[in-house]
Amino acid sequence: FNNILSSRILLCIITFILLNFISIISSLNRDTYICMLLLYLMVLGTTFQLTWLFQGKQDMKFITIINCISRIVSVLLIFMFIKNKSDVFLYCILYSITLFLSSIISIFVANKKYNLKFEFSKLDDIKNEIKDGTHLFYSSAMTKIFSGFGVTILGIFSSSYITGIYSAIYKVPYILTMIFSPISQAIYPYSSQKMTKSFSEGEKSIKKIAIPIFCVFAFIAIVIIVLRKFIIELLFGKEYMDYSIIIIPLIIQFLFAIVNNFLGIQTLVSSGHQKKYSKAFSIGCFFTIVLNILLGRYFKIYGVAYAAMIGEAILFASLLFQINKIRKENKYEKD
């Protein structure tokens, strides 16, 4: 507990220094810098979020409810109170504060439930902790970076108007991702437990959970695609409707992402094959970057949307390849 939390606090301090360094060399204006500081509450909240502890204790009921409620409340408050661009500071607060508050609640619960008291660890212990989590850290960090890579490419090759439209429409599948995230966290302890018996038994158990969850989100995805023009006009206005077609590849990307979570996190990571997961993820990231640059340059908003979908599909194929390798290895050992 001390080693993990100490590592997170150290990384939080380093990233805060980097944030201010980038702000200085970029000569950011006052409003942008304030927005960055307000949004940094998310990083602070992530630092003290104890989902990993509740996962390890296989006690996910409370933290899953808190995470789900906090994400839903955040989205509802944003839609209720954010009306124009002058509300940008309020938007930043509402977007980041719920994660921070849920982290405070989780610390309070952990203290009462497990009687845990924090003491900062030695630097050697922190170094070893970060080294052990290198593969997962890399994959998780790259996920965050490349989820916004399409917006960056559009900012280079297209106008700010088109970039804004893409960013807005992208929020629809992103909301679904936020809803799925605590579900994934809640399932992980179960997946890890099943994988301790055998890889094949673990796969079967994960498949039983994955199919109904995927079906629910697939149904929601189909509804969104069918009603895309109505939904986009309702949320963003008529001027966005001309680009409503891009929601199709973005929603398909989200469905691939759910499957990839079950193949990657729930199967490979939970069974101790972090290296194989990292390899598959590196391949997916490489193609996502290349496709975003190529398609974004020539097809702008449509190219970036389809690049995201194809990149996730390539990751899906890479994860399947790694899982098939494990199956063959296990079969060979049995023979």
C-alpha atoms as a PDB file:
ATOM      1  CA  PHE A   1       0.000   0.000   0.000  1.00  0.00           C
ATOM      2  CA  ASN A   2       2.751   2.440   0.978  1.00  0.00           C
ATOM      3  CA  ASN A   3       4.947   1.580  -2.020  1.00  0.00           C
ATOM      4  CA  ILE A   4       2.194   2.020  -4.610  1.00  0.00           C
ATOM      5  CA  LEU A   5       0.819   5.226  -3.099  1.00  0.00           C
ATOM      6  CA  SER A   6       4.332   6.670  -2.677  1.00  0.00           C
ATOM      7  CA  SER A   7       5.101   5.881  -6.336  1.00  0.00           C
ATOM      8  CA  ARG A   8       1.908   7.606  -7.440  1.00  0.00           C
ATOM      9  CA  ILE A   9       2.630  10.703  -5.326  1.00  0.00           C
ATOM     10  CA  LEU A  10       6.170  10.947  -6.739  1.00  0.00           C
ATOM     11  CA  LEU A  11       4.861  10.628 -10.320  1.00  0.00           C
ATOM     12  CA  CYS A  12       2.207  13.254  -9.539  1.00  0.00           C
ATOM     13  CA  ILE A  13       4.868  15.717  -8.337  1.00  0.00           C
ATOM     14  CA  ILE A  14       7.037  15.069 -11.408  1.00  0.00           C
ATOM     15  CA  THR A  15       4.113  15.571 -13.797  1.00  0.00           C
ATOM     16  CA  PHE A  16       3.093  18.795 -12.025  1.00  0.00           C
ATOM     17  CA  ILE A  17       6.616  20.151 -12.508  1.00  0.00           C
ATOM     18  CA  LEU A  18       6.469  19.094 -16.195  1.00  0.00           C
ATOM     19  CA  LEU A  19       3.062  20.774 -16.570  1.00  0.00           C
ATOM     20  CA  ASN A  20       4.447  24.097 -15.330  1.00  0.00           C
ATOM     21  CA  PHE A  21       7.631  23.743 -17.381  1.00  0.00           C
ATOM     22  CA  ILE A  22       5.602  23.159 -20.570  1.00  0.00           C
ATOM     23  CA  SER A  23       3.370  26.106 -19.669  1.00  0.00           C
ATOM     24  CA  ILE A  24       6.391  28.407 -19.328  1.00  0.00           C
ATOM     25  CA  ILE A  25       8.138  27.391 -22.572  1.00  0.00           C
ATOM     26  CA  SER A  26       4.835  27.444 -24.480  1.00  0.00           C
ATOM     27  CA  SER A  27       4.006  30.958 -23.229  1.00  0.00           C
ATOM     28  CA  LEU A  28       0.421  29.947 -22.462  1.00  0.00           C
ATOM     29  CA  ASN A  29      -2.088  32.665 -21.733  1.00  0.00           C
ATOM     30  CA  ARG A  30      -3.568  33.077 -18.252  1.00  0.00           C
ATOM     31  CA  ASP A  31      -6.939  31.436 -18.985  1.00  0.00           C
ATOM     32  CA  THR A  32      -5.374  28.329 -20.550  1.00  0.00           C
ATOM     33  CA  TYR A  33      -2.993  27.937 -17.607  1.00  0.00           C
ATOM     34  CA  ILE A  34      -5.874  28.226 -15.108  1.00  0.00           C
ATOM     35  CA  CYS A  35      -7.804  25.569 -17.061  1.00  0.00           C
ATOM     36  CA  MET A  36      -4.796  23.251 -16.912  1.00  0.00           C
ATOM     37  CA  LEU A  37      -4.477  23.727 -13.159  1.00  0.00           C
ATOM     38  CA  LEU A  38      -8.187  23.043 -12.612  1.00  0.00           C
ATOM     39  CA  LEU A  39      -8.051  19.926 -14.812  1.00  0.00           C
ATOM     40  CA  TYR A  40      -4.964  18.774 -12.889  1.00  0.00           C
ATOM     41  CA  LEU A  41      -7.396  17.859 -10.109  1.00  0.00           C
ATOM     42  CA  MET A  42      -8.026  14.733 -12.237  1.00  0.00           C
ATOM     43  CA  VAL A  43      -4.353  13.762 -11.942  1.00  0.00           C
ATOM     44  CA  LEU A  44      -4.466  14.436  -8.218  1.00  0.00           C
ATOM     45  CA  GLY A  45      -7.630  12.363  -7.940  1.00  0.00           C
ATOM     46  CA  THR A  46      -6.077   9.503  -9.925  1.00  0.00           C
ATOM     47  CA  THR A  47      -3.021   9.608  -7.639  1.00  0.00           C
ATOM     48  CA  PHE A  48      -5.096   8.902  -4.537  1.00  0.00           C
ATOM     49  CA  GLN A  49      -7.716   6.695  -6.189  1.00  0.00           C
ATOM     50  CA  LEU A  50      -7.614   3.293  -4.475  1.00  0.00           C
ATOM     51  CA  THR A  51      -9.389   1.166  -7.079  1.00  0.00           C
ATOM     52  CA  TRP A  52      -6.306  -1.075  -7.224  1.00  0.00           C
ATOM     53  CA  LEU A  53      -6.579  -1.722  -3.461  1.00  0.00           C
ATOM     54  CA  PHE A  54     -10.251  -2.727  -3.634  1.00  0.00           C
ATOM     55  CA  GLN A  55      -9.439  -4.893  -6.668  1.00  0.00           C
ATOM     56  CA  GLY A  56      -6.708  -6.667  -4.708  1.00  0.00           C
ATOM     57  CA  LYS A  57      -9.074  -7.207  -1.785  1.00  0.00           C
ATOM     58  CA  GLN A  58     -11.800  -8.393  -4.202  1.00  0.00           C
ATOM     59  CA  ASP A  59     -14.094  -5.861  -2.577  1.00  0.00           C
ATOM     60  CA  MET A  60     -15.268  -3.856  -5.600  1.00  0.00           C
ATOM     61  CA  LYS A  61     -18.944  -3.257  -4.810  1.00  0.00           C
ATOM     62  CA  PHE A  62     -18.567   0.087  -3.033  1.00  0.00           C
ATOM     63  CA  ILE A  63     -15.859   1.622  -5.231  1.00  0.00           C
ATOM     64  CA  THR A  64     -17.696   0.598  -8.427  1.00  0.00           C
ATOM     65  CA  ILE A  65     -20.876   2.328  -7.255  1.00  0.00           C
ATOM     66  CA  ILE A  66     -18.933   5.463  -6.253  1.00  0.00           C
ATOM     67  CA  ASN A  67     -17.049   5.590  -9.584  1.00  0.00           C
ATOM     68  CA  CYS A  68     -20.207   5.058 -11.647  1.00  0.00           C
ATOM     69  CA  ILE A  69     -22.178   7.688  -9.737  1.00  0.00           C
ATOM     70  CA  SER A  70     -19.339  10.232  -9.866  1.00  0.00           C
ATOM     71  CA  ARG A  71     -18.914   9.854 -13.650  1.00  0.00           C
ATOM     72  CA  ILE A  72     -22.651  10.075 -14.340  1.00  0.00           C
ATOM     73  CA  VAL A  73     -23.049  13.098 -12.027  1.00  0.00           C
ATOM     74  CA  SER A  74     -20.121  14.825 -13.756  1.00  0.00           C
ATOM     75  CA  VAL A  75     -21.679  14.357 -17.205  1.00  0.00           C
ATOM     76  CA  LEU A  76     -25.134  15.496 -16.032  1.00  0.00           C
ATOM     77  CA  LEU A  77     -23.760  18.601 -14.299  1.00  0.00           C
ATOM     78  CA  ILE A  78     -21.806  19.558 -17.427  1.00  0.00           C
ATOM     79  CA  PHE A  79     -24.891  19.283 -19.624  1.00  0.00           C
ATOM     80  CA  MET A  80     -26.977  21.215 -17.062  1.00  0.00           C
ATOM     81  CA  PHE A  81     -24.662  24.146 -16.317  1.00  0.00           C
ATOM     82  CA  ILE A  82     -22.315  24.568 -19.282  1.00  0.00           C
ATOM     83  CA  LYS A  83     -24.089  26.775 -21.819  1.00  0.00           C
ATOM     84  CA  ASN A  84     -21.404  28.838 -23.591  1.00  0.00           C
ATOM     85  CA  LYS A  85     -17.643  29.329 -23.894  1.00  0.00           C
ATOM     86  CA  SER A  86     -17.522  31.732 -20.921  1.00  0.00           C
ATOM     87  CA  ASP A  87     -18.275  28.732 -18.666  1.00  0.00           C
ATOM     88  CA  VAL A  88     -14.911  27.128 -19.429  1.00  0.00           C
ATOM     89  CA  PHE A  89     -13.584  27.372 -15.850  1.00  0.00           C
ATOM     90  CA  LEU A  90     -16.769  25.850 -14.441  1.00  0.00           C
ATOM     91  CA  TYR A  91     -16.532  23.092 -17.068  1.00  0.00           C
ATOM     92  CA  CYS A  92     -12.979  22.263 -15.956  1.00  0.00           C
ATOM     93  CA  ILE A  93     -14.073  22.087 -12.316  1.00  0.00           C
ATOM     94  CA  LEU A  94     -17.106  19.881 -13.005  1.00  0.00           C
ATOM     95  CA  TYR A  95     -15.063  17.635 -15.312  1.00  0.00           C
ATOM     96  CA  SER A  96     -12.307  16.987 -12.771  1.00  0.00           C
ATOM     97  CA  ILE A  97     -13.760  17.446  -9.271  1.00  0.00           C
ATOM     98  CA  THR A  98     -15.857  14.256  -9.213  1.00  0.00           C
ATOM     99  CA  LEU A  99     -12.793  12.032  -9.645  1.00  0.00           C
ATOM    100  CA  PHE A 100     -11.008  13.964  -6.904  1.00  0.00           C
ATOM    101  CA  LEU A 101     -13.966  13.654  -4.501  1.00  0.00           C
ATOM    102  CA  SER A 102     -14.420   9.919  -5.198  1.00  0.00           C
ATOM    103  CA  SER A 103     -10.724   9.437  -4.350  1.00  0.00           C
ATOM    104  CA  ILE A 104     -11.162  11.230  -1.014  1.00  0.00           C
ATOM    105  CA  ILE A 105     -14.153   8.980  -0.221  1.00  0.00           C
ATOM    106  CA  SER A 106     -12.185   5.830  -1.169  1.00  0.00           C
ATOM    107  CA  ILE A 107      -9.293   6.855   1.149  1.00  0.00           C
ATOM    108  CA  PHE A 108     -11.747   7.386   4.018  1.00  0.00           C
ATOM    109  CA  VAL A 109     -13.375   3.973   3.399  1.00  0.00           C
ATOM    110  CA  ALA A 110      -9.996   2.186   3.122  1.00  0.00           C
ATOM    111  CA  ASN A 111      -8.854   3.731   6.384  1.00  0.00           C
ATOM    112  CA  LYS A 112     -12.005   2.641   8.221  1.00  0.00           C
ATOM    113  CA  LYS A 113     -12.291  -0.782   6.591  1.00  0.00           C
ATOM    114  CA  TYR A 114      -8.651  -1.944   6.526  1.00  0.00           C
ATOM    115  CA  ASN A 115      -7.104   0.388   9.140  1.00  0.00           C
ATOM    116  CA  LEU A 116      -4.421   1.504   6.649  1.00  0.00           C
ATOM    117  CA  LYS A 117      -2.145   4.397   7.581  1.00  0.00           C
ATOM    118  CA  PHE A 118       0.143   5.868   4.948  1.00  0.00           C
ATOM    119  CA  GLU A 119       3.900   6.286   5.378  1.00  0.00           C
ATOM    120  CA  PHE A 120       6.121   7.449   2.518  1.00  0.00           C
ATOM    121  CA  SER A 121       8.333   4.606   1.269  1.00  0.00           C
ATOM    122  CA  LYS A 122      12.070   4.634   0.581  1.00  0.00           C
ATOM    123  CA  LEU A 123      13.191   5.637  -2.920  1.00  0.00           C
ATOM    124  CA  ASP A 124      14.555   2.122  -3.613  1.00  0.00           C
ATOM    125  CA  ASP A 125      11.154   0.598  -2.850  1.00  0.00           C
ATOM    126  CA  ILE A 126       9.455   3.155  -5.095  1.00  0.00           C
ATOM    127  CA  LYS A 127      11.954   2.401  -7.874  1.00  0.00           C
ATOM    128  CA  ASN A 128      11.233  -1.346  -7.655  1.00  0.00           C
ATOM    129  CA  GLU A 129       7.474  -0.729  -7.636  1.00  0.00           C
ATOM    130  CA  ILE A 130       7.644   1.399 -10.794  1.00  0.00           C
ATOM    131  CA  LYS A 131       9.944  -1.167 -12.458  1.00  0.00           C
ATOM    132  CA  ASP A 132       7.436  -3.981 -11.746  1.00  0.00           C
ATOM    133  CA  GLY A 133       4.636  -1.997 -13.350  1.00  0.00           C
ATOM    134  CA  THR A 134       6.594  -0.739 -16.382  1.00  0.00           C
ATOM    135  CA  HIS A 135       4.659  -2.693 -19.038  1.00  0.00           C
ATOM    136  CA  LEU A 136       1.229  -1.774 -17.695  1.00  0.00           C
ATOM    137  CA  PHE A 137       2.326   1.805 -17.053  1.00  0.00           C
ATOM    138  CA  TYR A 138       3.521   2.134 -20.649  1.00  0.00           C
ATOM    139  CA  SER A 139       0.299   0.693 -22.063  1.00  0.00           C
ATOM    140  CA  SER A 140      -1.915   2.833 -19.828  1.00  0.00           C
ATOM    141  CA  ALA A 141       0.050   6.009 -20.577  1.00  0.00           C
ATOM    142  CA  MET A 142      -0.037   5.375 -24.325  1.00  0.00           C
ATOM    143  CA  THR A 143      -3.803   4.806 -24.152  1.00  0.00           C
ATOM    144  CA  LYS A 144      -4.311   8.266 -22.672  1.00  0.00           C
ATOM    145  CA  ILE A 145      -1.959   9.908 -25.164  1.00  0.00           C
ATOM    146  CA  PHE A 146      -3.329   8.285 -28.302  1.00  0.00           C
ATOM    147  CA  SER A 147      -6.987   8.699 -27.332  1.00  0.00           C
ATOM    148  CA  GLY A 148      -6.483  12.379 -28.106  1.00  0.00           C
ATOM    149  CA  PHE A 149      -4.040  11.897 -30.972  1.00  0.00           C
ATOM    150  CA  GLY A 150      -6.737  12.342 -33.618  1.00  0.00           C
ATOM    151  CA  VAL A 151      -7.575  15.799 -32.237  1.00  0.00           C
ATOM    152  CA  THR A 152      -3.880  16.751 -32.405  1.00  0.00           C
ATOM    153  CA  ILE A 153      -3.622  15.620 -36.043  1.00  0.00           C
ATOM    154  CA  LEU A 154      -6.778  17.527 -36.976  1.00  0.00           C
ATOM    155  CA  GLY A 155      -5.317  20.612 -35.299  1.00  0.00           C
ATOM    156  CA  ILE A 156      -2.337  20.333 -37.655  1.00  0.00           C
ATOM    157  CA  PHE A 157      -4.075  19.438 -40.931  1.00  0.00           C
ATOM    158  CA  SER A 158      -7.505  21.041 -40.506  1.00  0.00           C
ATOM    159  CA  SER A 159      -9.218  24.140 -39.106  1.00  0.00           C
ATOM    160  CA  SER A 160     -10.034  24.774 -35.445  1.00  0.00           C
ATOM    161  CA  TYR A 161     -13.732  24.653 -36.407  1.00  0.00           C
ATOM    162  CA  ILE A 162     -13.451  21.064 -37.728  1.00  0.00           C
ATOM    163  CA  THR A 163     -11.270  20.076 -34.753  1.00  0.00           C
ATOM    164  CA  GLY A 164     -13.959  21.389 -32.398  1.00  0.00           C
ATOM    165  CA  ILE A 165     -16.680  19.421 -34.189  1.00  0.00           C
ATOM    166  CA  TYR A 166     -14.655  16.192 -33.958  1.00  0.00           C
ATOM    167  CA  SER A 167     -13.883  16.799 -30.263  1.00  0.00           C
ATOM    168  CA  ALA A 168     -17.582  17.333 -29.510  1.00  0.00           C
ATOM    169  CA  ILE A 169     -18.873  14.279 -31.408  1.00  0.00           C
ATOM    170  CA  TYR A 170     -16.069  12.152 -29.919  1.00  0.00           C
ATOM    171  CA  LYS A 171     -17.584  12.849 -26.483  1.00  0.00           C
ATOM    172  CA  VAL A 172     -20.546  10.539 -27.283  1.00  0.00           C
ATOM    173  CA  PRO A 173     -18.529   7.269 -27.434  1.00  0.00           C
ATOM    174  CA  TYR A 174     -16.255   8.670 -24.709  1.00  0.00           C
ATOM    175  CA  ILE A 175     -19.229   8.829 -22.314  1.00  0.00           C
ATOM    176  CA  LEU A 176     -19.827   5.127 -23.016  1.00  0.00           C
ATOM    177  CA  THR A 177     -16.153   4.483 -22.270  1.00  0.00           C
ATOM    178  CA  MET A 178     -16.520   6.277 -18.924  1.00  0.00           C
ATOM    179  CA  ILE A 179     -19.509   4.064 -18.079  1.00  0.00           C
ATOM    180  CA  PHE A 180     -17.662   0.871 -19.062  1.00  0.00           C
ATOM    181  CA  SER A 181     -14.480   1.761 -17.156  1.00  0.00           C
ATOM    182  CA  PRO A 182     -15.770   1.032 -13.595  1.00  0.00           C
ATOM    183  CA  ILE A 183     -17.388  -2.175 -14.895  1.00  0.00           C
ATOM    184  CA  SER A 184     -13.984  -3.281 -16.196  1.00  0.00           C
ATOM    185  CA  GLN A 185     -12.388  -2.437 -12.850  1.00  0.00           C
ATOM    186  CA  ALA A 186     -15.045  -4.426 -10.988  1.00  0.00           C
ATOM    187  CA  ILE A 187     -14.550  -7.517 -13.182  1.00  0.00           C
ATOM    188  CA  TYR A 188     -10.741  -7.587 -12.956  1.00  0.00           C
ATOM    189  CA  PRO A 189     -10.450  -9.261  -9.495  1.00  0.00           C
ATOM    190  CA  TYR A 190     -12.805 -12.013 -10.686  1.00  0.00           C
ATOM    191  CA  SER A 191     -10.751 -12.485 -13.874  1.00  0.00           C
ATOM    192  CA  SER A 192      -7.511 -12.691 -11.875  1.00  0.00           C
ATOM    193  CA  GLN A 193      -8.999 -15.252  -9.509  1.00  0.00           C
ATOM    194  CA  LYS A 194     -10.209 -17.478 -12.354  1.00  0.00           C
ATOM    195  CA  MET A 195      -6.840 -17.230 -14.125  1.00  0.00           C
ATOM    196  CA  THR A 196      -5.063 -18.660 -11.066  1.00  0.00           C
ATOM    197  CA  LYS A 197      -6.714 -22.037 -11.791  1.00  0.00           C
ATOM    198  CA  SER A 198      -5.714 -22.262 -15.457  1.00  0.00           C
ATOM    199  CA  PHE A 199      -5.577 -20.078 -18.545  1.00  0.00           C
ATOM    200  CA  SER A 200      -8.243 -22.070 -20.383  1.00  0.00           C
ATOM    201  CA  GLU A 201     -10.638 -22.052 -17.394  1.00  0.00           C
ATOM    202  CA  GLY A 202     -10.063 -18.340 -16.956  1.00  0.00           C
ATOM    203  CA  GLU A 203     -10.844 -17.704 -20.622  1.00  0.00           C
ATOM    204  CA  LYS A 204     -14.140 -19.580 -20.364  1.00  0.00           C
ATOM    205  CA  SER A 205     -15.203 -17.644 -17.258  1.00  0.00           C
ATOM    206  CA  ILE A 206     -14.294 -14.278 -18.799  1.00  0.00           C
ATOM    207  CA  LYS A 207     -16.192 -15.172 -21.977  1.00  0.00           C
ATOM    208  CA  LYS A 208     -19.364 -15.860 -19.956  1.00  0.00           C
ATOM    209  CA  ILE A 209     -19.181 -12.352 -18.473  1.00  0.00           C
ATOM    210  CA  ALA A 210     -18.002 -10.615 -21.654  1.00  0.00           C
ATOM    211  CA  ILE A 211     -20.824 -11.722 -23.969  1.00  0.00           C
ATOM    212  CA  PRO A 212     -23.797 -10.218 -22.039  1.00  0.00           C
ATOM    213  CA  ILE A 213     -21.883  -7.003 -21.267  1.00  0.00           C
ATOM    214  CA  PHE A 214     -20.873  -6.612 -24.908  1.00  0.00           C
ATOM    215  CA  CYS A 215     -24.454  -7.261 -26.047  1.00  0.00           C
ATOM    216  CA  VAL A 216     -25.798  -4.481 -23.809  1.00  0.00           C
ATOM    217  CA  PHE A 217     -23.263  -1.949 -25.110  1.00  0.00           C
ATOM    218  CA  ALA A 218     -23.739  -3.184 -28.704  1.00  0.00           C
ATOM    219  CA  PHE A 219     -27.467  -2.505 -28.378  1.00  0.00           C
ATOM    220  CA  ILE A 220     -26.769   1.028 -27.058  1.00  0.00           C
ATOM    221  CA  ALA A 221     -24.281   1.527 -29.901  1.00  0.00           C
ATOM    222  CA  ILE A 222     -26.844   0.517 -32.541  1.00  0.00           C
ATOM    223  CA  VAL A 223     -29.420   2.910 -31.041  1.00  0.00           C
ATOM    224  CA  ILE A 224     -26.874   5.760 -31.126  1.00  0.00           C
ATOM    225  CA  ILE A 225     -25.953   5.014 -34.756  1.00  0.00           C
ATOM    226  CA  VAL A 226     -29.610   4.837 -35.871  1.00  0.00           C
ATOM    227  CA  LEU A 227     -30.564   8.020 -33.980  1.00  0.00           C
ATOM    228  CA  ARG A 228     -27.217   9.777 -34.545  1.00  0.00           C
ATOM    229  CA  LYS A 229     -28.645  12.896 -36.243  1.00  0.00           C
ATOM    230  CA  PHE A 230     -31.264  13.424 -33.553  1.00  0.00           C
ATOM    231  CA  ILE A 231     -28.735  12.849 -30.730  1.00  0.00           C
ATOM    232  CA  ILE A 232     -26.081  15.143 -32.203  1.00  0.00           C
ATOM    233  CA  GLU A 233     -28.574  17.928 -32.936  1.00  0.00           C
ATOM    234  CA  LEU A 234     -29.959  17.616 -29.402  1.00  0.00           C
ATOM    235  CA  LEU A 235     -26.522  17.692 -27.751  1.00  0.00           C
ATOM    236  CA  PHE A 236     -24.538  20.053 -29.982  1.00  0.00           C
ATOM    237  CA  GLY A 237     -26.824  21.820 -32.462  1.00  0.00           C
ATOM    238  CA  LYS A 238     -27.754  21.704 -36.147  1.00  0.00           C
ATOM    239  CA  GLU A 239     -24.330  22.839 -37.406  1.00  0.00           C
ATOM    240  CA  TYR A 240     -22.860  19.510 -36.232  1.00  0.00           C
ATOM    241  CA  MET A 241     -25.348  17.330 -38.115  1.00  0.00           C
ATOM    242  CA  ASP A 242     -23.433  17.455 -41.424  1.00  0.00           C
ATOM    243  CA  TYR A 243     -20.655  15.461 -39.751  1.00  0.00           C
ATOM    244  CA  SER A 244     -22.884  13.012 -37.838  1.00  0.00           C
ATOM    245  CA  ILE A 245     -21.632  10.147 -40.037  1.00  0.00           C
ATOM    246  CA  ILE A 246     -18.283  10.079 -38.187  1.00  0.00           C
ATOM    247  CA  ILE A 247     -20.060   8.755 -35.103  1.00  0.00           C
ATOM    248  CA  ILE A 248     -20.338   5.354 -36.869  1.00  0.00           C
ATOM    249  CA  PRO A 249     -16.572   4.549 -36.965  1.00  0.00           C
ATOM    250  CA  LEU A 250     -16.134   6.106 -33.507  1.00  0.00           C
ATOM    251  CA  ILE A 251     -18.867   3.906 -32.015  1.00  0.00           C
ATOM    252  CA  ILE A 252     -17.412   0.829 -33.756  1.00  0.00           C
ATOM    253  CA  GLN A 253     -14.037   1.780 -32.288  1.00  0.00           C
ATOM    254  CA  PHE A 254     -15.648   1.811 -28.835  1.00  0.00           C
ATOM    255  CA  LEU A 255     -17.086  -1.698 -29.380  1.00  0.00           C
ATOM    256  CA  PHE A 256     -13.646  -2.950 -30.423  1.00  0.00           C
ATOM    257  CA  ALA A 257     -12.243  -1.286 -27.295  1.00  0.00           C
ATOM    258  CA  ILE A 258     -14.623  -3.291 -25.074  1.00  0.00           C
ATOM    259  CA  VAL A 259     -13.564  -6.566 -26.727  1.00  0.00           C
ATOM    260  CA  ASN A 260      -9.909  -5.513 -26.467  1.00  0.00           C
ATOM    261  CA  ASN A 261     -10.361  -4.848 -22.755  1.00  0.00           C
ATOM    262  CA  PHE A 262     -11.566  -8.412 -22.226  1.00  0.00           C
ATOM    263  CA  LEU A 263      -8.760  -9.821 -24.380  1.00  0.00           C
ATOM    264  CA  GLY A 264      -6.036  -7.548 -23.020  1.00  0.00           C
ATOM    265  CA  ILE A 265      -6.698  -6.528 -19.421  1.00  0.00           C
ATOM    266  CA  GLN A 266      -9.085  -9.280 -18.311  1.00  0.00           C
ATOM    267  CA  THR A 267      -7.234 -12.122 -20.089  1.00  0.00           C
ATOM    268  CA  LEU A 268      -3.565 -11.297 -20.733  1.00  0.00           C
ATOM    269  CA  VAL A 269      -2.859  -8.978 -17.798  1.00  0.00           C
ATOM    270  CA  SER A 270      -4.901 -10.924 -15.231  1.00  0.00           C
ATOM    271  CA  SER A 271      -3.046 -14.113 -16.216  1.00  0.00           C
ATOM    272  CA  GLY A 272       0.370 -12.449 -15.745  1.00  0.00           C
ATOM    273  CA  HIS A 273       1.180 -11.935 -19.446  1.00  0.00           C
ATOM    274  CA  GLN A 274       1.793  -8.194 -19.223  1.00  0.00           C
ATOM    275  CA  LYS A 275       4.699  -8.399 -21.700  1.00  0.00           C
ATOM    276  CA  LYS A 276       2.515  -9.966 -24.381  1.00  0.00           C
ATOM    277  CA  TYR A 277      -0.158  -7.340 -23.763  1.00  0.00           C
ATOM    278  CA  SER A 278       2.451  -4.597 -24.082  1.00  0.00           C
ATOM    279  CA  LYS A 279       3.713  -6.041 -27.396  1.00  0.00           C
ATOM    280  CA  ALA A 280       0.212  -6.218 -28.859  1.00  0.00           C
ATOM    281  CA  PHE A 281      -0.529  -2.719 -27.635  1.00  0.00           C
ATOM    282  CA  SER A 282       2.679  -1.328 -29.179  1.00  0.00           C
ATOM    283  CA  ILE A 283       1.648  -2.700 -32.585  1.00  0.00           C
ATOM    284  CA  GLY A 284      -1.814  -1.166 -32.254  1.00  0.00           C
ATOM    285  CA  CYS A 285      -0.347   2.205 -31.231  1.00  0.00           C
ATOM    286  CA  PHE A 286       2.130   2.233 -34.119  1.00  0.00           C
ATOM    287  CA  PHE A 287      -0.578   1.664 -36.724  1.00  0.00           C
ATOM    288  CA  THR A 288      -2.910   4.151 -35.010  1.00  0.00           C
ATOM    289  CA  ILE A 289      -0.258   6.876 -35.285  1.00  0.00           C
ATOM    290  CA  VAL A 290       0.560   6.099 -38.923  1.00  0.00           C
ATOM    291  CA  LEU A 291      -3.103   5.866 -39.955  1.00  0.00           C
ATOM    292  CA  ASN A 292      -4.003   9.099 -38.158  1.00  0.00           C
ATOM    293  CA  ILE A 293      -1.222  10.974 -39.936  1.00  0.00           C
ATOM    294  CA  LEU A 294      -1.941   9.525 -43.392  1.00  0.00           C
ATOM    295  CA  LEU A 295      -5.746   9.507 -43.318  1.00  0.00           C
ATOM    296  CA  GLY A 296      -5.958  12.720 -41.282  1.00  0.00           C
ATOM    297  CA  ARG A 297      -3.847  14.561 -43.811  1.00  0.00           C
ATOM    298  CA  TYR A 298      -5.879  13.551 -46.864  1.00  0.00           C
ATOM    299  CA  PHE A 299      -9.390  12.943 -45.490  1.00  0.00           C
ATOM    300  CA  LYS A 300      -9.373  15.295 -42.470  1.00  0.00           C
ATOM    301  CA  ILE A 301     -12.185  14.608 -39.950  1.00  0.00           C
ATOM    302  CA  TYR A 302     -13.360  11.437 -41.741  1.00  0.00           C
ATOM    303  CA  GLY A 303      -9.828  10.079 -41.984  1.00  0.00           C
ATOM    304  CA  VAL A 304      -9.123  10.560 -38.280  1.00  0.00           C
ATOM    305  CA  ALA A 305     -12.417   8.884 -37.312  1.00  0.00           C
ATOM    306  CA  TYR A 306     -11.711   5.815 -39.458  1.00  0.00           C
ATOM    307  CA  ALA A 307      -8.060   5.730 -38.339  1.00  0.00           C
ATOM    308  CA  ALA A 308      -9.255   5.329 -34.730  1.00  0.00           C
ATOM    309  CA  MET A 309     -11.533   2.450 -35.721  1.00  0.00           C
ATOM    310  CA  ILE A 310      -8.916   0.638 -37.851  1.00  0.00           C
ATOM    311  CA  GLY A 311      -6.249   1.121 -35.159  1.00  0.00           C
ATOM    312  CA  GLU A 312      -8.507  -0.528 -32.562  1.00  0.00           C
ATOM    313  CA  ALA A 313      -9.245  -3.373 -35.021  1.00  0.00           C
ATOM    314  CA  ILE A 314      -5.490  -3.950 -35.502  1.00  0.00           C
ATOM    315  CA  LEU A 315      -5.057  -4.042 -31.723  1.00  0.00           C
ATOM    316  CA  PHE A 316      -7.843  -6.641 -31.602  1.00  0.00           C
ATOM    317  CA  ALA A 317      -5.947  -8.821 -34.124  1.00  0.00           C
ATOM    318  CA  SER A 318      -2.660  -8.370 -32.205  1.00  0.00           C
ATOM    319  CA  LEU A 319      -4.255  -9.399 -28.904  1.00  0.00           C
ATOM    320  CA  LEU A 320      -5.817 -12.483 -30.522  1.00  0.00           C
ATOM    321  CA  PHE A 321      -2.396 -13.419 -31.914  1.00  0.00           C
ATOM    322  CA  GLN A 322      -0.787 -13.214 -28.446  1.00  0.00           C
ATOM    323  CA  ILE A 323      -3.616 -15.214 -26.834  1.00  0.00           C
ATOM    324  CA  ASN A 324      -3.332 -17.927 -29.508  1.00  0.00           C
ATOM    325  CA  LYS A 325       0.413 -18.143 -28.753  1.00  0.00           C
ATOM    326  CA  ILE A 326      -0.378 -18.795 -25.075  1.00  0.00           C
ATOM    327  CA  ARG A 327      -2.963 -21.427 -26.025  1.00  0.00           C
ATOM    328  CA  LYS A 328      -0.392 -23.243 -28.184  1.00  0.00           C
ATOM    329  CA  GLU A 329       2.244 -23.021 -25.436  1.00  0.00           C
ATOM    330  CA  ASN A 330      -0.182 -24.481 -22.878  1.00  0.00           C
ATOM    331  CA  LYS A 331      -1.221 -27.241 -25.275  1.00  0.00           C
ATOM    332  CA  TYR A 332       2.433 -28.098 -25.965  1.00  0.00           C
ATOM    333  CA  GLU A 333       3.189 -28.310 -22.221  1.00  0.00           C
ATOM    334  CA  LYS A 334       0.223 -30.656 -21.669  1.00  0.00           C
ATOM    335  CA  ASP A 335       1.309 -32.902 -24.560  1.00  0.00           C
END
